[in-house]
Amino acid sequence: MYVSDIDKKSFSSIILLDEIINKGRVFTAIAQPDDKVIEPLLVELLSKGYLSVGNNKYSVTQKGQEAFDLFMKRYSEYLKIYDIYGFVDLEKGEFAFSKYFDFNTDAEWDRYKNDNRFDDVRLAVAIFKKLNPAEIVFMSFINENRFDTQATGWQMDLVSSAIWNEIEKICDTAIKPAELGDDVIQDIIEQGANLLTDILKEEAKRNAEEAQYNAANNNNQVEETVVEETTYYDNYYEPYYNPFYVSPFWLLPLFLW
């Protein structure tokens, strides 16, 4: 079993905290009809100090904000680091992202990376690094807006088993480290880190060139920044060349239930 009851509670809590913190949604202490199904979770968040109540509405406490910020650190790293492992040709040892700059439109790029020859090894990398694969899939669902809190009945979807069963199935059927072997997955991680750094350097170079071009047309001077950007990326991503490296914030629990 990949998705534990604690996972379900923690992930659901992240969705609720996001609604309050970033979307301005008001959950009242006397629950509105649509919110009745999530009331037990709101009450538990209150009892654990992640929420407070005033003027008949829930507010996020500092403790709740810290829990949410911890998740966002992980989510930001997921988007920056792990997406590159989503499209790997295991037979040829090629990453779709190696051709990232070869396409003029997002539609062309999407068609290329979604070719059947590419496998998603994000969960294999996560499991190898001893991260929670269910949390990685949860993050991908957030990125794909699978938790559509603007839709009618989203509260029921959050507490029902359907979406958690889907995450469980993805975790269960995903490629595992044992299927690849330690040498292969370590090589994949190292290649991915190298490729990611190259992509970021190229983006920095192109952005600097575009800024210089725009400045020249406006009769302004722009200093070269590519060298500084390159040094930054080398320093920032250096730990990720180690297949066993895990950022410290992944080691902390999101919530203390």
Protein backbone atom coordinates (compact mmCIF):
# COMPACT_ATOMS: atom_id res chain seq x y z
CA MET A 1 0.00 0.00 0.00
CA TYR A 2 1.48 3.32 -1.10
CA VAL A 3 -1.18 5.81 -0.01
CA SER A 4 -1.61 5.57 3.75
CA ASP A 5 -4.40 7.14 5.78
CA ILE A 6 -1.85 9.68 7.04
CA ASP A 7 -1.02 10.54 3.42
CA LYS A 8 -4.68 11.11 2.59
CA LYS A 9 -5.12 13.34 5.62
CA SER A 10 -1.92 15.30 4.95
CA PHE A 11 -2.55 15.79 1.24
CA SER A 12 -6.17 16.82 1.83
CA SER A 13 -4.94 19.29 4.44
CA ILE A 14 -2.54 20.85 1.94
CA ILE A 15 -5.47 21.42 -0.43
CA LEU A 16 -7.51 23.08 2.34
CA LEU A 17 -4.62 25.26 3.51
CA ASP A 18 -4.00 26.35 -0.06
CA GLU A 19 -7.65 27.35 -0.39
CA ILE A 20 -7.38 29.58 2.68
CA ILE A 21 -3.86 30.96 2.12
CA ASN A 22 -3.77 31.51 -1.64
CA LYS A 23 -7.37 31.54 -2.82
CA GLY A 24 -9.08 33.45 -0.04
CA ARG A 25 -11.71 30.79 0.54
CA VAL A 26 -13.61 31.11 3.82
CA PHE A 27 -14.45 27.99 5.79
CA THR A 28 -16.84 28.81 8.62
CA ALA A 29 -16.81 27.18 12.04
CA ILE A 30 -20.49 26.44 11.50
CA ALA A 31 -19.93 24.54 8.29
CA GLN A 32 -21.80 25.42 5.14
CA PRO A 33 -23.72 22.48 3.60
CA ASP A 34 -21.09 21.77 0.93
CA ASP A 35 -18.31 21.83 3.54
CA LYS A 36 -19.93 19.34 5.92
CA VAL A 37 -17.91 16.43 4.52
CA ILE A 38 -14.58 18.17 5.19
CA GLU A 39 -15.59 19.50 8.62
CA PRO A 40 -13.90 16.63 10.54
CA LEU A 41 -10.58 17.49 8.89
CA LEU A 42 -10.98 21.20 9.61
CA VAL A 43 -11.72 20.37 13.25
CA GLU A 44 -8.64 18.13 13.48
CA LEU A 45 -6.44 20.83 11.93
CA LEU A 46 -7.87 23.18 14.56
CA SER A 47 -7.17 20.74 17.39
CA LYS A 48 -3.57 20.26 16.24
CA GLY A 49 -2.92 24.00 16.04
CA TYR A 50 -2.72 24.35 12.26
CA LEU A 51 -5.90 26.42 12.18
CA SER A 52 -7.57 28.84 14.56
CA VAL A 53 -11.13 30.15 14.72
CA GLY A 54 -12.25 33.75 15.04
CA ASN A 55 -15.44 35.51 13.96
CA ASN A 56 -16.88 32.16 12.92
CA LYS A 57 -14.17 31.44 10.32
CA TYR A 58 -11.02 29.36 10.16
CA SER A 59 -7.64 31.06 9.80
CA VAL A 60 -4.23 29.51 9.22
CA THR A 61 -1.88 29.74 12.21
CA GLN A 62 1.89 30.18 11.99
CA LYS A 63 2.20 26.43 12.51
CA GLY A 64 -0.16 25.82 9.60
CA GLN A 65 1.73 28.28 7.40
CA GLU A 66 5.01 26.53 8.22
CA ALA A 67 3.52 23.16 7.24
CA PHE A 68 2.28 24.60 3.96
CA ASP A 69 5.62 26.33 3.27
CA LEU A 70 7.42 23.03 3.85
CA PHE A 71 5.24 21.36 1.25
CA MET A 72 5.79 24.21 -1.20
CA LYS A 73 9.57 23.78 -0.89
CA ARG A 74 9.14 20.17 -1.91
CA TYR A 75 6.71 21.03 -4.67
CA SER A 76 9.05 23.69 -6.11
CA GLU A 77 11.91 21.18 -6.14
CA TYR A 78 9.67 18.60 -7.78
CA LEU A 79 8.91 21.02 -10.61
CA LYS A 80 12.57 22.04 -11.01
CA ILE A 81 14.31 18.71 -10.51
CA TYR A 82 12.05 15.74 -11.11
CA ASP A 83 10.08 16.66 -14.21
CA ILE A 84 13.08 15.92 -16.41
CA TYR A 85 12.78 12.22 -15.46
CA GLY A 86 9.22 12.03 -16.78
CA PHE A 87 10.25 11.27 -20.37
CA VAL A 88 13.17 8.86 -20.76
CA ASP A 89 13.84 6.41 -23.59
CA LEU A 90 15.25 3.53 -21.57
CA GLU A 91 16.30 1.53 -24.62
CA LYS A 92 18.42 4.32 -26.10
CA GLY A 93 19.27 6.04 -22.84
CA GLU A 94 17.87 9.33 -24.15
CA PHE A 95 15.93 12.07 -22.41
CA ALA A 96 13.15 13.86 -24.27
CA PHE A 97 14.40 17.08 -22.67
CA SER A 98 17.66 16.78 -24.62
CA LYS A 99 15.62 18.09 -27.59
CA TYR A 100 13.84 20.77 -25.56
CA PHE A 101 15.08 23.67 -27.70
CA ASP A 102 14.40 21.96 -31.03
CA PHE A 103 10.73 22.93 -31.16
CA ASN A 104 9.10 26.25 -31.99
CA THR A 105 5.77 25.69 -30.24
CA ASP A 106 4.54 24.05 -27.05
CA ALA A 107 2.25 21.82 -29.14
CA GLU A 108 5.23 20.42 -31.08
CA TRP A 109 7.15 19.82 -27.88
CA ASP A 110 4.16 18.11 -26.24
CA ARG A 111 3.73 15.77 -29.21
CA TYR A 112 7.39 14.82 -29.09
CA LYS A 113 7.72 14.18 -25.36
CA ASN A 114 4.48 12.17 -25.25
CA ASP A 115 5.82 9.62 -27.74
CA ASN A 116 5.31 6.06 -26.47
CA ARG A 117 9.04 5.36 -26.51
CA PHE A 118 9.53 7.59 -23.49
CA ASP A 119 8.97 6.13 -20.03
CA ASP A 120 8.16 8.00 -16.83
CA VAL A 121 10.82 7.15 -14.25
CA ARG A 122 10.04 9.92 -11.78
CA LEU A 123 8.68 7.49 -9.23
CA ALA A 124 11.62 5.15 -9.69
CA VAL A 125 13.96 8.06 -8.93
CA ALA A 126 11.81 9.10 -5.94
CA ILE A 127 11.70 5.59 -4.50
CA PHE A 128 15.45 5.17 -5.02
CA LYS A 129 15.96 8.38 -3.03
CA LYS A 130 13.56 7.03 -0.38
CA LEU A 131 10.96 9.72 -1.01
CA ASN A 132 7.25 9.02 -0.69
CA PRO A 133 6.06 8.09 -4.20
CA ALA A 134 2.46 8.93 -3.29
CA GLU A 135 3.51 12.51 -2.55
CA ILE A 136 5.23 12.76 -5.95
CA VAL A 137 2.04 11.65 -7.71
CA PHE A 138 0.00 14.02 -5.53
CA MET A 139 2.27 16.85 -6.70
CA SER A 140 1.81 15.86 -10.33
CA PHE A 141 -1.97 15.90 -9.76
CA ILE A 142 -1.72 19.42 -8.35
CA ASN A 143 0.35 20.49 -11.34
CA GLU A 144 -2.32 19.07 -13.64
CA ASN A 145 -5.11 20.77 -11.63
CA ARG A 146 -6.68 17.44 -10.79
CA PHE A 147 -7.93 18.92 -7.52
CA ASP A 148 -10.30 21.41 -9.15
CA THR A 149 -11.67 23.28 -6.17
CA GLN A 150 -13.78 25.48 -8.44
CA ALA A 151 -15.88 22.51 -9.47
CA THR A 152 -19.14 21.72 -7.70
CA GLY A 153 -18.73 18.91 -5.20
CA TRP A 154 -14.93 19.11 -4.95
CA GLN A 155 -15.20 18.59 -1.20
CA MET A 156 -16.77 15.19 -1.72
CA ASP A 157 -14.08 14.28 -4.24
CA LEU A 158 -11.46 15.14 -1.63
CA VAL A 159 -12.84 12.76 0.99
CA SER A 160 -13.92 9.97 -1.37
CA SER A 161 -11.58 7.10 -2.21
CA ALA A 162 -11.55 7.58 -6.00
CA ILE A 163 -8.63 9.98 -6.38
CA TRP A 164 -6.55 8.22 -3.72
CA ASN A 165 -7.18 4.87 -5.40
CA GLU A 166 -5.95 6.41 -8.65
CA ILE A 167 -2.75 7.59 -6.98
CA GLU A 168 -2.33 4.14 -5.44
CA LYS A 169 -2.71 2.49 -8.86
CA ILE A 170 -0.14 4.82 -10.44
CA CYS A 171 2.34 4.05 -7.66
CA ASP A 172 1.66 0.33 -7.98
CA THR A 173 2.13 0.14 -11.75
CA ALA A 174 5.03 2.62 -12.11
CA ILE A 175 8.53 1.48 -13.03
CA LYS A 176 10.43 0.59 -9.87
CA PRO A 177 14.16 0.88 -9.11
CA ALA A 178 14.48 -2.91 -8.95
CA GLU A 179 13.30 -3.18 -12.55
CA LEU A 180 16.07 -0.85 -13.69
CA GLY A 181 18.91 -1.91 -11.42
CA ASP A 182 21.02 0.34 -9.21
CA ASP A 183 23.65 1.11 -11.85
CA VAL A 184 21.05 2.15 -14.41
CA ILE A 185 19.01 4.36 -12.12
CA GLN A 186 22.12 6.05 -10.73
CA ASP A 187 23.24 6.75 -14.28
CA ILE A 188 19.78 8.13 -15.11
CA ILE A 189 19.89 10.48 -12.12
CA GLU A 190 23.36 11.75 -13.02
CA GLN A 191 22.41 12.24 -16.67
CA GLY A 192 19.26 14.08 -15.65
CA ALA A 193 21.20 16.45 -13.38
CA ASN A 194 23.70 17.20 -16.15
CA LEU A 195 20.98 17.76 -18.71
CA LEU A 196 18.95 19.99 -16.40
CA THR A 197 21.96 22.21 -15.74
CA ASP A 198 22.68 22.45 -19.48
CA ILE A 199 19.06 23.43 -20.16
CA LEU A 200 19.10 26.13 -17.49
CA LYS A 201 22.40 27.51 -18.78
CA GLU A 202 20.99 27.68 -22.30
CA GLU A 203 17.85 29.41 -21.06
CA ALA A 204 19.97 31.95 -19.19
CA LYS A 205 22.06 32.55 -22.30
CA ARG A 206 19.00 33.05 -24.49
CA ASN A 207 17.37 35.37 -21.97
CA ALA A 208 20.55 37.47 -21.79
CA GLU A 209 20.80 37.63 -25.57
CA GLU A 210 17.17 38.68 -25.82
CA ALA A 211 17.69 41.35 -23.18
CA GLN A 212 20.75 42.66 -25.04
CA TYR A 213 18.88 42.72 -28.32
CA ASN A 214 15.97 44.61 -26.77
CA ALA A 215 18.33 47.02 -25.05
CA ALA A 216 20.27 47.65 -28.25
CA ASN A 217 17.03 48.55 -30.01
CA ASN A 218 16.28 50.93 -27.16
CA ASN A 219 19.81 52.39 -27.20
CA ASN A 220 20.55 51.06 -23.71
CA GLN A 221 23.48 49.10 -22.33
CA VAL A 222 22.99 45.67 -20.74
CA GLU A 223 25.80 43.86 -18.95
CA GLU A 224 26.53 40.25 -19.78
CA THR A 225 25.00 37.99 -17.12
CA VAL A 226 25.41 34.52 -18.61
CA VAL A 227 28.64 33.76 -16.73
CA GLU A 228 27.06 34.69 -13.41
CA GLU A 229 23.98 32.61 -14.19
CA THR A 230 26.14 29.63 -15.19
CA THR A 231 28.09 29.79 -11.93
CA TYR A 232 24.86 29.96 -9.97
CA TYR A 233 23.39 26.92 -11.67
CA ASP A 234 26.59 24.92 -11.23
CA ASN A 235 26.65 25.67 -7.51
CA TYR A 236 22.91 25.18 -6.95
CA TYR A 237 22.55 21.86 -8.74
CA GLU A 238 25.89 20.32 -7.77
CA PRO A 239 24.40 18.21 -4.90
CA TYR A 240 21.89 16.66 -7.30
CA TYR A 241 24.67 14.97 -9.28
CA ASN A 242 24.90 12.60 -6.32
CA PRO A 243 22.16 10.00 -6.90
CA PHE A 244 21.74 9.58 -3.15
CA TYR A 245 21.32 13.29 -2.36
CA VAL A 246 18.00 14.29 -0.81
CA SER A 247 17.19 17.87 0.19
CA PRO A 248 16.77 18.05 3.98
CA PHE A 249 13.20 19.37 3.80
CA TRP A 250 12.00 16.04 2.39
CA LEU A 251 13.00 14.36 5.64
CA LEU A 252 10.58 16.35 7.82
CA PRO A 253 6.94 15.32 8.33
CA LEU A 254 4.43 17.71 6.77
CA PHE A 255 2.06 17.39 9.73
CA LEU A 256 2.24 15.93 13.22
CA TRP A 257 -1.03 14.07 13.63
